[in-house]
Amino acid sequence: MREEYGSPDVLELKEIEKPVPRDGEVLVKVHAASVNTADLDYLRGRPAAARVVSGISRPRSNRIGLDVAGRVGAVGRDVTTLRVGDDVWADLFDFGQGAFAEYVCASETAFTPMPSGVTFEQAATVPHSGVLALQGLLGYGEINPGETVLINGAGGCVGPFAIQLAKSFGAEVTGVDHGGKFDLMRLAGADHLIDYTHEDFVANGRSYDLILDIVDEHSVLHYQHSLGPGGRYVLIARRLTGFAQAFLVGAGVSMTSSKRMGTFMWKANNRVDLDLIKTLLENGKVKPIIDRRFELYEVPEALRYQEEGHARGKVIITM
């Protein structure tokens, strides 16, 4: 829990009463959670514009943690879709967060049944990063077999899912990150690798059918000439300026050429997307890649590990 914005040092482990589900809510015993870059953004209160929603000078909610996988331990009145004993997963972005805890209580609409044949740890890696990757890849249309896809920032939380999802659609995938992430990107299935510290992919003369930009460092115009005819550029925005610029400038490019460039409106915890990824997990086309595990009391250390760029796969919080 935390009472202010700041580094992982502001977090404090507290013992509180077990939540009791109200009407329409379920209580889930958390078996695993995972760390996302978004957890760090929320912890530090960035971007600043997001504080309009999360709290201007201090956070409105003292809970933290988005991705959760666990087992339903109790249900409130009027709950119709879940029962005690069901294994569920969720991205708690729209439900007050709280994945970094032994129990979490939220609306039954927050939780959906976990895929079969995967562990709680594997399931906990997916809801936020996997859905974000899927929505980004399909932001401007479906991916056709044989298309070339470049993922800029493919070695982070979202990138390995983006690589696997694009491959599941039949794409030829190029992953861009620093050389220390090559093993991770290879494990995810990337066909080609570019180390951005040695090569600028926008200057190498190659073009792509789709560029998914997870880095959010340059103008959309920076990537325009790396798109083939009819190509698409999609930004997963991390900055308000990046979102606004991609939305406005991208619209101009899209209206005056055959290329489509811009960003998209992310829908957290989208049931249709989770169901699609669930199927891909069950048939082995997507496999979560886990780097390290931390216990609940080690959440600050886990967040620091993620923030300092050490992770080579998802970081797990075990209960």
C-alpha atoms as a PDB file:
ATOM      1  CA  MET A   1       0.000   0.000   0.000  1.00  0.00           C
ATOM      2  CA  ARG A   2       1.051   3.607  -0.367  1.00  0.00           C
ATOM      3  CA  GLU A   3      -0.145   7.038   0.688  1.00  0.00           C
ATOM      4  CA  GLU A   4       1.801   9.187  -1.781  1.00  0.00           C
ATOM      5  CA  TYR A   5       3.363   9.203  -5.229  1.00  0.00           C
ATOM      6  CA  GLY A   6       7.009   8.277  -5.441  1.00  0.00           C
ATOM      7  CA  SER A   7       9.558   5.523  -5.880  1.00  0.00           C
ATOM      8  CA  PRO A   8       9.023   1.928  -4.719  1.00  0.00           C
ATOM      9  CA  ASP A   9      10.293   3.123  -1.336  1.00  0.00           C
ATOM     10  CA  VAL A  10       6.888   4.693  -0.572  1.00  0.00           C
ATOM     11  CA  LEU A  11       5.263   1.253  -0.496  1.00  0.00           C
ATOM     12  CA  GLU A  12       4.439  -0.348   2.829  1.00  0.00           C
ATOM     13  CA  LEU A  13       3.286  -3.875   3.596  1.00  0.00           C
ATOM     14  CA  LYS A  14       0.261  -3.729   5.902  1.00  0.00           C
ATOM     15  CA  GLU A  15      -1.994  -6.350   7.417  1.00  0.00           C
ATOM     16  CA  ILE A  16      -5.682  -5.482   7.101  1.00  0.00           C
ATOM     17  CA  GLU A  17      -8.982  -7.328   7.513  1.00  0.00           C
ATOM     18  CA  LYS A  18      -9.877  -9.739   4.740  1.00  0.00           C
ATOM     19  CA  PRO A  19     -12.341  -7.958   2.405  1.00  0.00           C
ATOM     20  CA  VAL A  20     -15.951  -9.081   2.397  1.00  0.00           C
ATOM     21  CA  PRO A  21     -17.656  -9.075  -1.025  1.00  0.00           C
ATOM     22  CA  ARG A  22     -20.665  -6.806  -1.366  1.00  0.00           C
ATOM     23  CA  ASP A  23     -23.553  -7.346  -3.780  1.00  0.00           C
ATOM     24  CA  GLY A  24     -22.195  -8.161  -7.217  1.00  0.00           C
ATOM     25  CA  GLU A  25     -18.639  -8.633  -5.970  1.00  0.00           C
ATOM     26  CA  VAL A  26     -16.331 -11.614  -5.599  1.00  0.00           C
ATOM     27  CA  LEU A  27     -13.413 -12.188  -3.245  1.00  0.00           C
ATOM     28  CA  VAL A  28     -10.376 -13.720  -4.927  1.00  0.00           C
ATOM     29  CA  LYS A  29      -7.482 -15.349  -3.123  1.00  0.00           C
ATOM     30  CA  VAL A  30      -4.482 -14.141  -5.105  1.00  0.00           C
ATOM     31  CA  HIS A  31      -2.091 -16.882  -6.179  1.00  0.00           C
ATOM     32  CA  ALA A  32       0.101 -14.721  -8.417  1.00  0.00           C
ATOM     33  CA  ALA A  33       0.403 -11.204  -9.775  1.00  0.00           C
ATOM     34  CA  SER A  34       2.818  -9.667 -12.270  1.00  0.00           C
ATOM     35  CA  VAL A  35       4.667  -6.382 -12.573  1.00  0.00           C
ATOM     36  CA  ASN A  36       3.968  -3.987 -15.444  1.00  0.00           C
ATOM     37  CA  THR A  37       5.520  -0.711 -16.522  1.00  0.00           C
ATOM     38  CA  ALA A  38       2.061   0.727 -15.888  1.00  0.00           C
ATOM     39  CA  ASP A  39       2.414  -0.168 -12.193  1.00  0.00           C
ATOM     40  CA  LEU A  40       5.497   2.027 -12.038  1.00  0.00           C
ATOM     41  CA  ASP A  41       3.745   4.851 -13.875  1.00  0.00           C
ATOM     42  CA  TYR A  42       0.848   4.701 -11.435  1.00  0.00           C
ATOM     43  CA  LEU A  43       3.217   4.496  -8.473  1.00  0.00           C
ATOM     44  CA  ARG A  44       5.078   7.620  -9.567  1.00  0.00           C
ATOM     45  CA  GLY A  45       1.994   9.471 -10.795  1.00  0.00           C
ATOM     46  CA  ARG A  46       2.978   9.791 -14.426  1.00  0.00           C
ATOM     47  CA  PRO A  47       2.173  11.144 -16.860  1.00  0.00           C
ATOM     48  CA  ALA A  48       1.161  14.186 -14.848  1.00  0.00           C
ATOM     49  CA  ALA A  49      -2.089  14.519 -16.801  1.00  0.00           C
ATOM     50  CA  ALA A  50      -3.189  11.105 -15.501  1.00  0.00           C
ATOM     51  CA  ARG A  51      -3.388  12.550 -11.985  1.00  0.00           C
ATOM     52  CA  VAL A  52      -6.667  14.168 -12.973  1.00  0.00           C
ATOM     53  CA  VAL A  53      -8.074  10.647 -12.626  1.00  0.00           C
ATOM     54  CA  SER A  54      -5.723   9.052 -10.085  1.00  0.00           C
ATOM     55  CA  GLY A  55      -5.442  12.038  -7.715  1.00  0.00           C
ATOM     56  CA  ILE A  56      -3.725  15.391  -8.137  1.00  0.00           C
ATOM     57  CA  SER A  57      -1.403  15.688  -5.144  1.00  0.00           C
ATOM     58  CA  ARG A  58      -1.789  12.174  -3.747  1.00  0.00           C
ATOM     59  CA  PRO A  59      -3.310   8.947  -5.071  1.00  0.00           C
ATOM     60  CA  ARG A  60      -7.022   8.396  -4.523  1.00  0.00           C
ATOM     61  CA  SER A  61      -6.418   4.666  -4.094  1.00  0.00           C
ATOM     62  CA  ASN A  62      -3.627   3.304  -1.916  1.00  0.00           C
ATOM     63  CA  ARG A  63      -3.739  -0.071  -3.625  1.00  0.00           C
ATOM     64  CA  ILE A  64      -1.384  -1.134  -6.397  1.00  0.00           C
ATOM     65  CA  GLY A  65      -1.053  -4.008  -8.843  1.00  0.00           C
ATOM     66  CA  LEU A  66      -2.918  -4.632 -12.107  1.00  0.00           C
ATOM     67  CA  ASP A  67      -2.468  -8.232 -13.234  1.00  0.00           C
ATOM     68  CA  VAL A  68      -3.883 -10.951 -11.006  1.00  0.00           C
ATOM     69  CA  ALA A  69      -4.629 -14.661 -11.135  1.00  0.00           C
ATOM     70  CA  GLY A  70      -6.303 -16.514  -8.302  1.00  0.00           C
ATOM     71  CA  ARG A  71      -9.239 -18.533  -7.010  1.00  0.00           C
ATOM     72  CA  VAL A  72     -12.661 -17.277  -6.019  1.00  0.00           C
ATOM     73  CA  GLY A  73     -13.000 -17.598  -2.250  1.00  0.00           C
ATOM     74  CA  ALA A  74     -16.391 -15.976  -1.675  1.00  0.00           C
ATOM     75  CA  VAL A  75     -19.158 -14.327  -3.678  1.00  0.00           C
ATOM     76  CA  GLY A  76     -21.621 -11.579  -2.822  1.00  0.00           C
ATOM     77  CA  ARG A  77     -25.316 -11.567  -3.534  1.00  0.00           C
ATOM     78  CA  ASP A  78     -26.485 -11.432  -7.154  1.00  0.00           C
ATOM     79  CA  VAL A  79     -23.238 -12.895  -8.512  1.00  0.00           C
ATOM     80  CA  THR A  80     -24.263 -15.148 -11.387  1.00  0.00           C
ATOM     81  CA  THR A  81     -21.173 -15.827 -13.532  1.00  0.00           C
ATOM     82  CA  LEU A  82     -18.670 -17.108 -10.971  1.00  0.00           C
ATOM     83  CA  ARG A  83     -18.650 -19.628  -8.138  1.00  0.00           C
ATOM     84  CA  VAL A  84     -16.425 -20.360  -5.177  1.00  0.00           C
ATOM     85  CA  GLY A  85     -13.458 -22.386  -6.415  1.00  0.00           C
ATOM     86  CA  ASP A  86     -13.322 -20.877  -9.920  1.00  0.00           C
ATOM     87  CA  ASP A  87      -9.845 -19.965 -11.153  1.00  0.00           C
ATOM     88  CA  VAL A  88      -9.882 -16.461 -12.617  1.00  0.00           C
ATOM     89  CA  TRP A  89      -7.639 -13.743 -14.043  1.00  0.00           C
ATOM     90  CA  ALA A  90      -8.021  -9.985 -14.491  1.00  0.00           C
ATOM     91  CA  ASP A  91      -6.474  -6.624 -15.209  1.00  0.00           C
ATOM     92  CA  LEU A  92      -7.692  -4.525 -12.286  1.00  0.00           C
ATOM     93  CA  PHE A  93      -7.010  -1.153 -13.972  1.00  0.00           C
ATOM     94  CA  ASP A  94     -10.690  -0.165 -13.905  1.00  0.00           C
ATOM     95  CA  PHE A  95     -11.403  -1.808 -10.547  1.00  0.00           C
ATOM     96  CA  GLY A  96      -9.195   0.003  -8.035  1.00  0.00           C
ATOM     97  CA  GLN A  97      -6.118  -2.186  -8.615  1.00  0.00           C
ATOM     98  CA  GLY A  98      -4.885  -4.213  -5.619  1.00  0.00           C
ATOM     99  CA  ALA A  99      -3.266  -7.278  -7.233  1.00  0.00           C
ATOM    100  CA  PHE A 100      -0.289  -7.038  -4.871  1.00  0.00           C
ATOM    101  CA  ALA A 101      -2.151  -8.520  -1.921  1.00  0.00           C
ATOM    102  CA  GLU A 102      -3.223 -11.875  -0.515  1.00  0.00           C
ATOM    103  CA  TYR A 103      -6.876 -11.160  -1.350  1.00  0.00           C
ATOM    104  CA  VAL A 104      -8.630  -8.755  -3.672  1.00  0.00           C
ATOM    105  CA  CYS A 105     -12.322  -7.922  -3.835  1.00  0.00           C
ATOM    106  CA  ALA A 106     -13.929  -6.450  -6.953  1.00  0.00           C
ATOM    107  CA  SER A 107     -16.981  -6.628  -9.197  1.00  0.00           C
ATOM    108  CA  GLU A 108     -17.627 -10.006 -10.751  1.00  0.00           C
ATOM    109  CA  THR A 109     -17.277  -8.256 -14.130  1.00  0.00           C
ATOM    110  CA  ALA A 110     -13.558  -7.773 -13.404  1.00  0.00           C
ATOM    111  CA  PHE A 111     -12.819 -11.488 -13.483  1.00  0.00           C
ATOM    112  CA  THR A 112     -13.029 -14.105 -16.201  1.00  0.00           C
ATOM    113  CA  PRO A 113     -12.142 -17.815 -16.134  1.00  0.00           C
ATOM    114  CA  MET A 114      -8.453 -18.603 -16.552  1.00  0.00           C
ATOM    115  CA  PRO A 115      -7.226 -20.655 -19.513  1.00  0.00           C
ATOM    116  CA  SER A 116      -6.930 -24.362 -18.887  1.00  0.00           C
ATOM    117  CA  GLY A 117      -3.506 -25.942 -18.770  1.00  0.00           C
ATOM    118  CA  VAL A 118      -1.637 -22.873 -17.513  1.00  0.00           C
ATOM    119  CA  THR A 119      -0.381 -22.084 -14.031  1.00  0.00           C
ATOM    120  CA  PHE A 120      -1.483 -19.129 -11.930  1.00  0.00           C
ATOM    121  CA  GLU A 121       1.927 -17.567 -12.504  1.00  0.00           C
ATOM    122  CA  GLN A 122       1.624 -17.889 -16.268  1.00  0.00           C
ATOM    123  CA  ALA A 123      -1.918 -16.525 -16.240  1.00  0.00           C
ATOM    124  CA  ALA A 124      -0.883 -13.541 -14.134  1.00  0.00           C
ATOM    125  CA  THR A 125       1.506 -12.339 -16.841  1.00  0.00           C
ATOM    126  CA  VAL A 126      -1.167 -11.836 -19.471  1.00  0.00           C
ATOM    127  CA  PRO A 127      -4.221  -9.615 -18.834  1.00  0.00           C
ATOM    128  CA  HIS A 128      -2.551  -6.188 -19.032  1.00  0.00           C
ATOM    129  CA  SER A 129       0.452  -6.726 -21.308  1.00  0.00           C
ATOM    130  CA  GLY A 130      -1.182  -9.323 -23.537  1.00  0.00           C
ATOM    131  CA  VAL A 131      -4.327  -7.310 -24.191  1.00  0.00           C
ATOM    132  CA  LEU A 132      -2.311  -4.129 -24.781  1.00  0.00           C
ATOM    133  CA  ALA A 133      -0.153  -5.976 -27.329  1.00  0.00           C
ATOM    134  CA  LEU A 134      -3.179  -7.432 -29.102  1.00  0.00           C
ATOM    135  CA  GLN A 135      -5.068  -4.155 -29.323  1.00  0.00           C
ATOM    136  CA  GLY A 136      -1.957  -2.374 -30.585  1.00  0.00           C
ATOM    137  CA  LEU A 137      -1.278  -4.945 -33.289  1.00  0.00           C
ATOM    138  CA  LEU A 138      -4.877  -4.805 -34.513  1.00  0.00           C
ATOM    139  CA  GLY A 139      -5.292  -1.054 -34.020  1.00  0.00           C
ATOM    140  CA  TYR A 140      -5.537  -0.440 -37.770  1.00  0.00           C
ATOM    141  CA  GLY A 141      -6.794  -3.745 -39.050  1.00  0.00           C
ATOM    142  CA  GLU A 142      -6.079  -7.444 -39.041  1.00  0.00           C
ATOM    143  CA  ILE A 143      -2.638  -8.885 -39.733  1.00  0.00           C
ATOM    144  CA  ASN A 144      -2.549 -11.087 -42.818  1.00  0.00           C
ATOM    145  CA  PRO A 145      -0.251 -14.108 -43.206  1.00  0.00           C
ATOM    146  CA  GLY A 146       3.078 -13.119 -44.730  1.00  0.00           C
ATOM    147  CA  GLU A 147       2.932  -9.482 -43.665  1.00  0.00           C
ATOM    148  CA  THR A 148       6.049  -7.931 -42.158  1.00  0.00           C
ATOM    149  CA  VAL A 149       5.695  -6.546 -38.635  1.00  0.00           C
ATOM    150  CA  LEU A 150       8.306  -4.524 -36.738  1.00  0.00           C
ATOM    151  CA  ILE A 151       7.940  -4.152 -32.971  1.00  0.00           C
ATOM    152  CA  ASN A 152       9.914  -1.264 -31.516  1.00  0.00           C
ATOM    153  CA  GLY A 153      10.650  -2.017 -27.858  1.00  0.00           C
ATOM    154  CA  ALA A 154      10.046  -5.741 -28.224  1.00  0.00           C
ATOM    155  CA  GLY A 155      12.006  -6.724 -25.127  1.00  0.00           C
ATOM    156  CA  GLY A 156       9.791  -5.193 -22.450  1.00  0.00           C
ATOM    157  CA  CYS A 157       6.548  -6.277 -20.775  1.00  0.00           C
ATOM    158  CA  VAL A 158       4.365  -5.952 -23.885  1.00  0.00           C
ATOM    159  CA  GLY A 159       6.835  -6.798 -26.641  1.00  0.00           C
ATOM    160  CA  PRO A 160       7.217 -10.572 -26.155  1.00  0.00           C
ATOM    161  CA  PHE A 161       3.424 -10.938 -26.293  1.00  0.00           C
ATOM    162  CA  ALA A 162       3.310  -8.758 -29.405  1.00  0.00           C
ATOM    163  CA  ILE A 163       5.922 -10.961 -31.086  1.00  0.00           C
ATOM    164  CA  GLN A 164       4.026 -14.164 -30.306  1.00  0.00           C
ATOM    165  CA  LEU A 165       0.647 -12.730 -31.263  1.00  0.00           C
ATOM    166  CA  ALA A 166       1.963 -11.407 -34.583  1.00  0.00           C
ATOM    167  CA  LYS A 167       3.544 -14.800 -35.289  1.00  0.00           C
ATOM    168  CA  SER A 168       0.241 -16.527 -34.470  1.00  0.00           C
ATOM    169  CA  PHE A 169      -1.352 -14.437 -37.254  1.00  0.00           C
ATOM    170  CA  GLY A 170       1.317 -15.611 -39.707  1.00  0.00           C
ATOM    171  CA  ALA A 171       3.487 -12.485 -39.780  1.00  0.00           C
ATOM    172  CA  GLU A 172       7.242 -12.198 -40.270  1.00  0.00           C
ATOM    173  CA  VAL A 173       8.410 -10.339 -37.171  1.00  0.00           C
ATOM    174  CA  THR A 174      11.345  -8.033 -36.515  1.00  0.00           C
ATOM    175  CA  GLY A 175      12.074  -7.151 -32.893  1.00  0.00           C
ATOM    176  CA  VAL A 176      13.924  -3.964 -31.936  1.00  0.00           C
ATOM    177  CA  ASP A 177      15.609  -3.474 -28.557  1.00  0.00           C
ATOM    178  CA  HIS A 178      19.134  -3.408 -27.152  1.00  0.00           C
ATOM    179  CA  GLY A 179      21.353  -6.449 -27.592  1.00  0.00           C
ATOM    180  CA  GLY A 180      20.827  -7.615 -24.022  1.00  0.00           C
ATOM    181  CA  LYS A 181      17.212  -8.438 -24.914  1.00  0.00           C
ATOM    182  CA  PHE A 182      18.044 -10.570 -27.974  1.00  0.00           C
ATOM    183  CA  ASP A 183      17.680 -13.890 -26.145  1.00  0.00           C
ATOM    184  CA  LEU A 184      14.245 -12.871 -24.874  1.00  0.00           C
ATOM    185  CA  MET A 185      13.070 -11.785 -28.330  1.00  0.00           C
ATOM    186  CA  ARG A 186      14.409 -14.977 -29.901  1.00  0.00           C
ATOM    187  CA  LEU A 187      12.598 -17.032 -27.270  1.00  0.00           C
ATOM    188  CA  ALA A 188       9.379 -15.177 -28.120  1.00  0.00           C
ATOM    189  CA  GLY A 189       9.874 -16.149 -31.766  1.00  0.00           C
ATOM    190  CA  ALA A 190      11.169 -13.030 -33.540  1.00  0.00           C
ATOM    191  CA  ASP A 191      12.467 -13.780 -37.054  1.00  0.00           C
ATOM    192  CA  HIS A 192      14.837 -10.813 -37.163  1.00  0.00           C
ATOM    193  CA  LEU A 193      16.509  -8.723 -34.463  1.00  0.00           C
ATOM    194  CA  ILE A 194      17.788  -5.135 -34.493  1.00  0.00           C
ATOM    195  CA  ASP A 195      19.926  -3.589 -31.767  1.00  0.00           C
ATOM    196  CA  TYR A 196      18.881   0.045 -31.709  1.00  0.00           C
ATOM    197  CA  THR A 197      22.188   1.026 -30.094  1.00  0.00           C
ATOM    198  CA  HIS A 198      24.001  -0.007 -33.297  1.00  0.00           C
ATOM    199  CA  GLU A 199      21.390   0.359 -36.049  1.00  0.00           C
ATOM    200  CA  ASP A 200      18.612   2.854 -36.765  1.00  0.00           C
ATOM    201  CA  PHE A 201      15.909   0.788 -38.405  1.00  0.00           C
ATOM    202  CA  VAL A 202      14.332   3.825 -40.065  1.00  0.00           C
ATOM    203  CA  ALA A 203      17.588   4.396 -41.965  1.00  0.00           C
ATOM    204  CA  ASN A 204      18.320   0.869 -43.159  1.00  0.00           C
ATOM    205  CA  GLY A 205      16.143   1.051 -46.265  1.00  0.00           C
ATOM    206  CA  ARG A 206      13.727  -1.691 -45.205  1.00  0.00           C
ATOM    207  CA  SER A 207       9.971  -1.187 -45.053  1.00  0.00           C
ATOM    208  CA  TYR A 208       7.240  -2.955 -43.120  1.00  0.00           C
ATOM    209  CA  ASP A 209       3.515  -3.577 -43.362  1.00  0.00           C
ATOM    210  CA  LEU A 210       3.053  -2.740 -39.680  1.00  0.00           C
ATOM    211  CA  ILE A 211       5.173  -0.941 -37.100  1.00  0.00           C
ATOM    212  CA  LEU A 212       4.061  -1.274 -33.483  1.00  0.00           C
ATOM    213  CA  ASP A 213       5.845   1.390 -31.455  1.00  0.00           C
ATOM    214  CA  ILE A 214       6.013   0.613 -27.729  1.00  0.00           C
ATOM    215  CA  VAL A 215       8.867   3.040 -27.065  1.00  0.00           C
ATOM    216  CA  ASP A 216       7.060   6.354 -27.740  1.00  0.00           C
ATOM    217  CA  GLU A 217      10.158   8.518 -28.247  1.00  0.00           C
ATOM    218  CA  HIS A 218       9.800  10.022 -31.731  1.00  0.00           C
ATOM    219  CA  SER A 219       7.209  11.718 -33.913  1.00  0.00           C
ATOM    220  CA  VAL A 220       5.091   9.462 -36.107  1.00  0.00           C
ATOM    221  CA  LEU A 221       6.737  11.189 -39.075  1.00  0.00           C
ATOM    222  CA  HIS A 222      10.027   9.624 -37.983  1.00  0.00           C
ATOM    223  CA  TYR A 223       8.631   6.252 -39.058  1.00  0.00           C
ATOM    224  CA  GLN A 224       6.656   7.228 -42.149  1.00  0.00           C
ATOM    225  CA  HIS A 225       9.272   6.169 -44.708  1.00  0.00           C
ATOM    226  CA  SER A 226       9.711   2.772 -43.017  1.00  0.00           C
ATOM    227  CA  LEU A 227       6.172   1.810 -44.001  1.00  0.00           C
ATOM    228  CA  GLY A 228       5.429   0.131 -47.300  1.00  0.00           C
ATOM    229  CA  PRO A 229       2.431   1.124 -49.441  1.00  0.00           C
ATOM    230  CA  GLY A 230      -0.716   0.692 -47.367  1.00  0.00           C
ATOM    231  CA  GLY A 231       1.407   0.204 -44.247  1.00  0.00           C
ATOM    232  CA  ARG A 232       0.256   0.938 -40.701  1.00  0.00           C
ATOM    233  CA  TYR A 233       2.021   2.552 -37.763  1.00  0.00           C
ATOM    234  CA  VAL A 234       0.447   2.149 -34.305  1.00  0.00           C
ATOM    235  CA  LEU A 235       1.741   3.872 -31.181  1.00  0.00           C
ATOM    236  CA  ILE A 236       1.208   2.468 -27.695  1.00  0.00           C
ATOM    237  CA  ALA A 237       1.343   5.887 -26.074  1.00  0.00           C
ATOM    238  CA  ARG A 238       3.055   6.411 -22.726  1.00  0.00           C
ATOM    239  CA  ARG A 239       3.113  10.217 -22.871  1.00  0.00           C
ATOM    240  CA  LEU A 240       0.226  12.617 -23.315  1.00  0.00           C
ATOM    241  CA  THR A 241       2.260  14.519 -25.901  1.00  0.00           C
ATOM    242  CA  GLY A 242       2.964  11.287 -27.759  1.00  0.00           C
ATOM    243  CA  PHE A 243      -0.726  10.395 -27.805  1.00  0.00           C
ATOM    244  CA  ALA A 244      -1.811  13.861 -28.970  1.00  0.00           C
ATOM    245  CA  GLN A 245       0.878  14.075 -31.625  1.00  0.00           C
ATOM    246  CA  ALA A 246       0.156  10.600 -32.973  1.00  0.00           C
ATOM    247  CA  PHE A 247      -3.568  11.324 -33.020  1.00  0.00           C
ATOM    248  CA  LEU A 248      -3.290  14.650 -34.839  1.00  0.00           C
ATOM    249  CA  VAL A 249      -0.290  14.181 -37.127  1.00  0.00           C
ATOM    250  CA  GLY A 250      -1.192  10.561 -37.769  1.00  0.00           C
ATOM    251  CA  ALA A 251      -4.641  11.630 -38.916  1.00  0.00           C
ATOM    252  CA  GLY A 252      -3.052  14.008 -41.412  1.00  0.00           C
ATOM    253  CA  VAL A 253      -0.819  11.289 -42.859  1.00  0.00           C
ATOM    254  CA  SER A 254      -3.723   8.857 -43.017  1.00  0.00           C
ATOM    255  CA  MET A 255      -5.886  11.323 -44.959  1.00  0.00           C
ATOM    256  CA  THR A 256      -3.208  12.268 -47.492  1.00  0.00           C
ATOM    257  CA  SER A 257      -1.567   8.920 -48.259  1.00  0.00           C
ATOM    258  CA  SER A 258      -2.222   5.196 -48.434  1.00  0.00           C
ATOM    259  CA  LYS A 259      -0.523   4.759 -45.068  1.00  0.00           C
ATOM    260  CA  ARG A 260      -2.331   4.768 -41.752  1.00  0.00           C
ATOM    261  CA  MET A 261      -0.573   6.191 -38.727  1.00  0.00           C
ATOM    262  CA  GLY A 262      -1.722   6.988 -35.208  1.00  0.00           C
ATOM    263  CA  THR A 263      -2.663   5.480 -31.881  1.00  0.00           C
ATOM    264  CA  PHE A 264      -5.707   3.736 -30.418  1.00  0.00           C
ATOM    265  CA  MET A 265      -8.009   3.849 -27.420  1.00  0.00           C
ATOM    266  CA  TRP A 266      -6.963   1.048 -25.113  1.00  0.00           C
ATOM    267  CA  LYS A 267      -9.751  -0.976 -23.497  1.00  0.00           C
ATOM    268  CA  ALA A 268      -8.484  -2.576 -20.304  1.00  0.00           C
ATOM    269  CA  ASN A 269      -9.580  -6.093 -19.379  1.00  0.00           C
ATOM    270  CA  ASN A 270     -11.534  -6.498 -22.624  1.00  0.00           C
ATOM    271  CA  ARG A 271     -13.348  -9.837 -22.481  1.00  0.00           C
ATOM    272  CA  VAL A 272     -13.206 -10.527 -26.231  1.00  0.00           C
ATOM    273  CA  ASP A 273      -9.457  -9.948 -26.301  1.00  0.00           C
ATOM    274  CA  LEU A 274      -8.865 -12.047 -23.197  1.00  0.00           C
ATOM    275  CA  ASP A 275     -10.881 -14.885 -24.708  1.00  0.00           C
ATOM    276  CA  LEU A 276      -8.789 -14.781 -27.895  1.00  0.00           C
ATOM    277  CA  ILE A 277      -5.523 -14.832 -25.944  1.00  0.00           C
ATOM    278  CA  LYS A 278      -6.959 -17.580 -23.739  1.00  0.00           C
ATOM    279  CA  THR A 279      -7.446 -19.741 -26.837  1.00  0.00           C
ATOM    280  CA  LEU A 280      -3.907 -19.013 -28.035  1.00  0.00           C
ATOM    281  CA  LEU A 281      -2.524 -19.948 -24.622  1.00  0.00           C
ATOM    282  CA  GLU A 282      -4.482 -23.177 -24.579  1.00  0.00           C
ATOM    283  CA  ASN A 283      -3.258 -24.223 -28.025  1.00  0.00           C
ATOM    284  CA  GLY A 284       0.344 -23.249 -27.263  1.00  0.00           C
ATOM    285  CA  LYS A 285       0.686 -20.379 -29.742  1.00  0.00           C
ATOM    286  CA  VAL A 286       1.377 -17.937 -26.906  1.00  0.00           C
ATOM    287  CA  LYS A 287       3.632 -18.944 -24.016  1.00  0.00           C
ATOM    288  CA  PRO A 288       4.278 -16.544 -21.131  1.00  0.00           C
ATOM    289  CA  ILE A 289       7.962 -15.905 -20.491  1.00  0.00           C
ATOM    290  CA  ILE A 290       8.788 -15.477 -16.805  1.00  0.00           C
ATOM    291  CA  ASP A 291      12.063 -13.963 -15.655  1.00  0.00           C
ATOM    292  CA  ARG A 292      12.012 -13.789 -11.842  1.00  0.00           C
ATOM    293  CA  ARG A 293       9.709 -14.364  -8.910  1.00  0.00           C
ATOM    294  CA  PHE A 294       9.419 -12.196  -5.812  1.00  0.00           C
ATOM    295  CA  GLU A 295       7.359 -12.733  -2.680  1.00  0.00           C
ATOM    296  CA  LEU A 296       4.723 -10.268  -1.523  1.00  0.00           C
ATOM    297  CA  TYR A 297       7.016  -8.529   0.952  1.00  0.00           C
ATOM    298  CA  GLU A 298       9.507  -8.014  -1.902  1.00  0.00           C
ATOM    299  CA  VAL A 299       7.187  -5.932  -4.110  1.00  0.00           C
ATOM    300  CA  PRO A 300       9.368  -2.771  -3.826  1.00  0.00           C
ATOM    301  CA  GLU A 301      12.403  -4.792  -4.897  1.00  0.00           C
ATOM    302  CA  ALA A 302      10.444  -6.316  -7.792  1.00  0.00           C
ATOM    303  CA  LEU A 303       9.387  -2.876  -8.995  1.00  0.00           C
ATOM    304  CA  ARG A 304      12.947  -1.575  -8.780  1.00  0.00           C
ATOM    305  CA  TYR A 305      14.159  -4.615 -10.728  1.00  0.00           C
ATOM    306  CA  GLN A 306      11.627  -3.836 -13.453  1.00  0.00           C
ATOM    307  CA  GLU A 307      12.311  -0.108 -13.482  1.00  0.00           C
ATOM    308  CA  GLU A 308      16.084  -0.554 -13.752  1.00  0.00           C
ATOM    309  CA  GLY A 309      15.633  -2.629 -16.910  1.00  0.00           C
ATOM    310  CA  HIS A 310      16.913  -5.955 -15.570  1.00  0.00           C
ATOM    311  CA  ALA A 311      13.846  -8.038 -16.484  1.00  0.00           C
ATOM    312  CA  ARG A 312      14.145 -10.528 -19.337  1.00  0.00           C
ATOM    313  CA  GLY A 313      10.511 -11.593 -19.296  1.00  0.00           C
ATOM    314  CA  LYS A 314       7.702 -10.972 -16.849  1.00  0.00           C
ATOM    315  CA  VAL A 315       8.347 -10.386 -13.157  1.00  0.00           C
ATOM    316  CA  ILE A 316       6.028 -12.374 -10.886  1.00  0.00           C
ATOM    317  CA  ILE A 317       4.762 -11.705  -7.373  1.00  0.00           C
ATOM    318  CA  THR A 318       3.956 -14.961  -5.583  1.00  0.00           C
ATOM    319  CA  MET A 319       1.737 -15.245  -2.511  1.00  0.00           C
END
